[in-house]
Amino acid sequence: MARRKDTSDPDWRARWAVGHEEMARLLERRRARDRELEELDARRQARLRRLTLGLFGRP
């Protein structure tokens, strides 16, 4: 049977906190990258829309 972690151990608490800070940092970096990619995608779509309107005229 699995034993419960001794969460009263200060070393365990420190490792847990550091692990969670690292995860939060990684998540924030991923969210920032997602925002960058969304902006790039929006610019690319706008450029494509302008190009197609220029080639085929406005509907």
PDB file of N, CA and C in Angstrom:
ATOM      1  N   MET A   1       0.841  -1.192   0.000  1.00  0.00           N
ATOM      2  CA  MET A   1       0.000   0.000   0.000  1.00  0.00           C
ATOM      3  C   MET A   1       0.886   1.256   0.000  1.00  0.00           C
ATOM      4  N   ALA A   2       0.489   2.258  -0.715  1.00  0.00           N
ATOM      5  CA  ALA A   2       1.300   3.475  -0.819  1.00  0.00           C
ATOM      6  C   ALA A   2       1.221   4.277   0.475  1.00  0.00           C
ATOM      7  N   ARG A   3       2.380   4.773   0.892  1.00  0.00           N
ATOM      8  CA  ARG A   3       2.405   5.620   2.080  1.00  0.00           C
ATOM      9  C   ARG A   3       2.189   7.069   1.654  1.00  0.00           C
ATOM     10  N   ARG A   4       1.621   7.818   2.559  1.00  0.00           N
ATOM     11  CA  ARG A   4       1.439   9.252   2.273  1.00  0.00           C
ATOM     12  C   ARG A   4       2.770   9.962   2.413  1.00  0.00           C
ATOM     13  N   LYS A   5       2.946  11.005   1.619  1.00  0.00           N
ATOM     14  CA  LYS A   5       4.171  11.809   1.733  1.00  0.00           C
ATOM     15  C   LYS A   5       4.159  12.567   3.055  1.00  0.00           C
ATOM     16  N   ASP A   6       5.333  12.721   3.620  1.00  0.00           N
ATOM     17  CA  ASP A   6       5.455  13.510   4.840  1.00  0.00           C
ATOM     18  C   ASP A   6       5.612  14.969   4.409  1.00  0.00           C
ATOM     19  N   THR A   7       4.507  15.667   4.310  1.00  0.00           N
ATOM     20  CA  THR A   7       4.541  17.041   3.827  1.00  0.00           C
ATOM     21  C   THR A   7       4.988  18.026   4.902  1.00  0.00           C
ATOM     22  N   SER A   8       5.235  17.539   6.114  1.00  0.00           N
ATOM     23  CA  SER A   8       5.735  18.440   7.160  1.00  0.00           C
ATOM     24  C   SER A   8       7.248  18.638   7.016  1.00  0.00           C
ATOM     25  N   ASP A   9       7.890  17.810   6.183  1.00  0.00           N
ATOM     26  CA  ASP A   9       9.327  17.914   5.964  1.00  0.00           C
ATOM     27  C   ASP A   9       9.638  19.210   5.206  1.00  0.00           C
ATOM     28  N   PRO A  10      10.428  20.120   5.801  1.00  0.00           N
ATOM     29  CA  PRO A  10      10.706  21.403   5.126  1.00  0.00           C
ATOM     30  C   PRO A  10      11.409  21.221   3.778  1.00  0.00           C
ATOM     31  N   ASP A  11      12.267  20.196   3.654  1.00  0.00           N
ATOM     32  CA  ASP A  11      12.927  19.964   2.368  1.00  0.00           C
ATOM     33  C   ASP A  11      11.910  19.598   1.298  1.00  0.00           C
ATOM     34  N   TRP A  12      10.943  18.771   1.660  1.00  0.00           N
ATOM     35  CA  TRP A  12       9.914  18.377   0.702  1.00  0.00           C
ATOM     36  C   TRP A  12       9.124  19.600   0.260  1.00  0.00           C
ATOM     37  N   ARG A  13       8.771  20.447   1.227  1.00  0.00           N
ATOM     38  CA  ARG A  13       8.009  21.666   0.896  1.00  0.00           C
ATOM     39  C   ARG A  13       8.808  22.576  -0.048  1.00  0.00           C
ATOM     40  N   ALA A  14      10.101  22.684   0.186  1.00  0.00           N
ATOM     41  CA  ALA A  14      10.939  23.525  -0.671  1.00  0.00           C
ATOM     42  C   ALA A  14      11.007  22.949  -2.087  1.00  0.00           C
ATOM     43  N   ARG A  15      11.201  21.634  -2.190  1.00  0.00           N
ATOM     44  CA  ARG A  15      11.246  21.012  -3.525  1.00  0.00           C
ATOM     45  C   ARG A  15       9.923  21.186  -4.250  1.00  0.00           C
ATOM     46  N   TRP A  16       8.802  21.033  -3.522  1.00  0.00           N
ATOM     47  CA  TRP A  16       7.484  21.184  -4.113  1.00  0.00           C
ATOM     48  C   TRP A  16       7.307  22.613  -4.652  1.00  0.00           C
ATOM     49  N   ALA A  17       7.707  23.603  -3.825  1.00  0.00           N
ATOM     50  CA  ALA A  17       7.557  25.005  -4.226  1.00  0.00           C
ATOM     51  C   ALA A  17       8.401  25.302  -5.462  1.00  0.00           C
ATOM     52  N   VAL A  18       9.648  24.828  -5.467  1.00  0.00           N
ATOM     53  CA  VAL A  18      10.536  25.077  -6.605  1.00  0.00           C
ATOM     54  C   VAL A  18       9.958  24.423  -7.859  1.00  0.00           C
ATOM     55  N   GLY A  19       9.475  23.189  -7.712  1.00  0.00           N
ATOM     56  CA  GLY A  19       8.880  22.495  -8.855  1.00  0.00           C
ATOM     57  C   GLY A  19       7.700  23.256  -9.413  1.00  0.00           C
ATOM     58  N   HIS A  20       6.866  23.786  -8.548  1.00  0.00           N
ATOM     59  CA  HIS A  20       5.683  24.509  -9.013  1.00  0.00           C
ATOM     60  C   HIS A  20       6.044  25.858  -9.619  1.00  0.00           C
ATOM     61  N   GLU A  21       7.075  26.502  -9.075  1.00  0.00           N
ATOM     62  CA  GLU A  21       7.517  27.760  -9.685  1.00  0.00           C
ATOM     63  C   GLU A  21       8.036  27.501 -11.096  1.00  0.00           C
ATOM     64  N   GLU A  22       8.788  26.415 -11.247  1.00  0.00           N
ATOM     65  CA  GLU A  22       9.320  26.064 -12.572  1.00  0.00           C
ATOM     66  C   GLU A  22       8.182  25.775 -13.542  1.00  0.00           C
ATOM     67  N   MET A  23       7.181  25.034 -13.085  1.00  0.00           N
ATOM     68  CA  MET A  23       6.031  24.725 -13.941  1.00  0.00           C
ATOM     69  C   MET A  23       5.305  26.009 -14.344  1.00  0.00           C
ATOM     70  N   ALA A  24       5.149  26.927 -13.401  1.00  0.00           N
ATOM     71  CA  ALA A  24       4.476  28.193 -13.702  1.00  0.00           C
ATOM     72  C   ALA A  24       5.276  28.979 -14.740  1.00  0.00           C
ATOM     73  N   ARG A  25       6.608  28.969 -14.599  1.00  0.00           N
ATOM     74  CA  ARG A  25       7.463  29.664 -15.564  1.00  0.00           C
ATOM     75  C   ARG A  25       7.320  29.046 -16.952  1.00  0.00           C
ATOM     76  N   LEU A  26       7.342  27.716 -17.010  1.00  0.00           N
ATOM     77  CA  LEU A  26       7.207  27.032 -18.300  1.00  0.00           C
ATOM     78  C   LEU A  26       5.849  27.325 -18.934  1.00  0.00           C
ATOM     79  N   LEU A  27       4.797  27.312 -18.103  1.00  0.00           N
ATOM     80  CA  LEU A  27       3.458  27.605 -18.622  1.00  0.00           C
ATOM     81  C   LEU A  27       3.394  29.021 -19.175  1.00  0.00           C
ATOM     82  N   GLU A  28       3.974  29.971 -18.450  1.00  0.00           N
ATOM     83  CA  GLU A  28       3.951  31.362 -18.914  1.00  0.00           C
ATOM     84  C   GLU A  28       4.702  31.503 -20.230  1.00  0.00           C
ATOM     85  N   ARG A  29       5.866  30.808 -20.351  1.00  0.00           N
ATOM     86  CA  ARG A  29       6.614  30.856 -21.608  1.00  0.00           C
ATOM     87  C   ARG A  29       5.793  30.273 -22.750  1.00  0.00           C
ATOM     88  N   ARG A  30       5.094  29.167 -22.471  1.00  0.00           N
ATOM     89  CA  ARG A  30       4.277  28.547 -23.512  1.00  0.00           C
ATOM     90  C   ARG A  30       3.131  29.474 -23.929  1.00  0.00           C
ATOM     91  N   ARG A  31       2.505  30.129 -22.942  1.00  0.00           N
ATOM     92  CA  ARG A  31       1.411  31.053 -23.264  1.00  0.00           C
ATOM     93  C   ARG A  31       1.913  32.235 -24.089  1.00  0.00           C
ATOM     94  N   ALA A  32       3.091  32.747 -23.743  1.00  0.00           N
ATOM     95  CA  ALA A  32       3.663  33.863 -24.509  1.00  0.00           C
ATOM     96  C   ALA A  32       3.937  33.419 -25.943  1.00  0.00           C
ATOM     97  N   ARG A  33       4.483  32.216 -26.109  1.00  0.00           N
ATOM     98  CA  ARG A  33       4.760  31.689 -27.448  1.00  0.00           C
ATOM     99  C   ARG A  33       3.463  31.497 -28.226  1.00  0.00           C
ATOM    100  N   ASP A  34       2.423  31.005 -27.559  1.00  0.00           N
ATOM    101  CA  ASP A  34       1.130  30.836 -28.224  1.00  0.00           C
ATOM    102  C   ASP A  34       0.589  32.182 -28.697  1.00  0.00           C
ATOM    103  N   ARG A  35       0.735  33.224 -27.847  1.00  0.00           N
ATOM    104  CA  ARG A  35       0.278  34.557 -28.253  1.00  0.00           C
ATOM    105  C   ARG A  35       1.053  35.038 -29.470  1.00  0.00           C
ATOM    106  N   GLU A  36       2.386  34.823 -29.462  1.00  0.00           N
ATOM    107  CA  GLU A  36       3.214  35.211 -30.617  1.00  0.00           C
ATOM    108  C   GLU A  36       2.740  34.508 -31.884  1.00  0.00           C
ATOM    109  N   LEU A  37       2.501  33.203 -31.780  1.00  0.00           N
ATOM    110  CA  LEU A  37       2.081  32.439 -32.949  1.00  0.00           C
ATOM    111  C   LEU A  37       0.717  32.897 -33.445  1.00  0.00           C
ATOM    112  N   GLU A  38      -0.185  33.230 -32.524  1.00  0.00           N
ATOM    113  CA  GLU A  38      -1.497  33.728 -32.941  1.00  0.00           C
ATOM    114  C   GLU A  38      -1.361  35.052 -33.679  1.00  0.00           C
ATOM    115  N   GLU A  39      -0.479  35.943 -33.185  1.00  0.00           N
ATOM    116  CA  GLU A  39      -0.265  37.225 -33.867  1.00  0.00           C
ATOM    117  C   GLU A  39       0.319  37.002 -35.258  1.00  0.00           C
ATOM    118  N   LEU A  40       1.309  36.110 -35.348  1.00  0.00           N
ATOM    119  CA  LEU A  40       1.898  35.810 -36.653  1.00  0.00           C
ATOM    120  C   LEU A  40       0.861  35.245 -37.610  1.00  0.00           C
ATOM    121  N   ASP A  41       0.029  34.348 -37.104  1.00  0.00           N
ATOM    122  CA  ASP A  41      -0.999  33.735 -37.932  1.00  0.00           C
ATOM    123  C   ASP A  41      -1.999  34.784 -38.410  1.00  0.00           C
ATOM    124  N   ALA A  42      -2.388  35.693 -37.518  1.00  0.00           N
ATOM    125  CA  ALA A  42      -3.334  36.747 -37.901  1.00  0.00           C
ATOM    126  C   ALA A  42      -2.726  37.641 -38.981  1.00  0.00           C
ATOM    127  N   ARG A  43      -1.427  37.982 -38.821  1.00  0.00           N
ATOM    128  CA  ARG A  43      -0.766  38.808 -39.844  1.00  0.00           C
ATOM    129  C   ARG A  43      -0.700  38.073 -41.178  1.00  0.00           C
ATOM    130  N   ARG A  44      -0.374  36.776 -41.115  1.00  0.00           N
ATOM    131  CA  ARG A  44      -0.278  35.975 -42.333  1.00  0.00           C
ATOM    132  C   ARG A  44      -1.642  35.895 -43.027  1.00  0.00           C
ATOM    133  N   GLN A  45      -2.702  35.693 -42.258  1.00  0.00           N
ATOM    134  CA  GLN A  45      -4.039  35.623 -42.845  1.00  0.00           C
ATOM    135  C   GLN A  45      -4.445  36.960 -43.446  1.00  0.00           C
ATOM    136  N   ALA A  46      -4.110  38.066 -42.780  1.00  0.00           N
ATOM    137  CA  ALA A  46      -4.442  39.388 -43.310  1.00  0.00           C
ATOM    138  C   ALA A  46      -3.689  39.638 -44.616  1.00  0.00           C
ATOM    139  N   ARG A  47      -2.410  39.236 -44.653  1.00  0.00           N
ATOM    140  CA  ARG A  47      -1.618  39.405 -45.869  1.00  0.00           C
ATOM    141  C   ARG A  47      -2.210  38.585 -47.016  1.00  0.00           C
ATOM    142  N   LEU A  48      -2.585  37.350 -46.705  1.00  0.00           N
ATOM    143  CA  LEU A  48      -3.182  36.476 -47.718  1.00  0.00           C
ATOM    144  C   LEU A  48      -4.503  37.056 -48.218  1.00  0.00           C
ATOM    145  N   ARG A  49      -5.309  37.598 -47.295  1.00  0.00           N
ATOM    146  CA  ARG A  49      -6.595  38.198 -47.677  1.00  0.00           C
ATOM    147  C   ARG A  49      -6.369  39.395 -48.603  1.00  0.00           C
ATOM    148  N   ARG A  50      -5.376  40.252 -48.244  1.00  0.00           N
ATOM    149  CA  ARG A  50      -5.083  41.409 -49.110  1.00  0.00           C
ATOM    150  C   ARG A  50      -4.613  40.952 -50.486  1.00  0.00           C
ATOM    151  N   LEU A  51      -3.779  39.916 -50.503  1.00  0.00           N
ATOM    152  CA  LEU A  51      -3.264  39.397 -51.762  1.00  0.00           C
ATOM    153  C   LEU A  51      -4.391  38.857 -52.634  1.00  0.00           C
ATOM    154  N   THR A  52      -5.280  38.056 -52.051  1.00  0.00           N
ATOM    155  CA  THR A  52      -6.366  37.474 -52.847  1.00  0.00           C
ATOM    156  C   THR A  52      -7.335  38.549 -53.303  1.00  0.00           C
ATOM    157  N   LEU A  53      -7.589  39.562 -52.468  1.00  0.00           N
ATOM    158  CA  LEU A  53      -8.475  40.647 -52.895  1.00  0.00           C
ATOM    159  C   LEU A  53      -7.817  41.430 -54.037  1.00  0.00           C
ATOM    160  N   GLY A  54      -6.503  41.602 -53.963  1.00  0.00           N
ATOM    161  CA  GLY A  54      -5.790  42.314 -55.023  1.00  0.00           C
ATOM    162  C   GLY A  54      -5.804  41.533 -56.329  1.00  0.00           C
ATOM    163  N   LEU A  55      -5.705  40.220 -56.246  1.00  0.00           N
ATOM    164  CA  LEU A  55      -5.675  39.397 -57.459  1.00  0.00           C
ATOM    165  C   LEU A  55      -7.053  39.261 -58.089  1.00  0.00           C
ATOM    166  N   PHE A  56      -8.068  39.030 -57.265  1.00  0.00           N
ATOM    167  CA  PHE A  56      -9.388  38.710 -57.805  1.00  0.00           C
ATOM    168  C   PHE A  56     -10.388  39.835 -57.656  1.00  0.00           C
ATOM    169  N   GLY A  57      -9.985  40.942 -57.097  1.00  0.00           N
ATOM    170  CA  GLY A  57     -10.906  42.054 -56.899  1.00  0.00           C
ATOM    171  C   GLY A  57     -11.831  41.788 -55.732  1.00  0.00           C
ATOM    172  N   ARG A  58     -12.541  42.799 -55.355  1.00  0.00           N
ATOM    173  CA  ARG A  58     -13.435  42.639 -54.207  1.00  0.00           C
ATOM    174  C   ARG A  58     -14.712  41.937 -54.647  1.00  0.00           C
ATOM    175  N   PRO A  59     -15.243  41.067 -53.787  1.00  0.00           N
ATOM    176  CA  PRO A  59     -16.477  40.351 -54.157  1.00  0.00           C
ATOM    177  C   PRO A  59     -17.684  41.283 -54.179  1.00  0.00           C
TER     178      PRO A  59
END
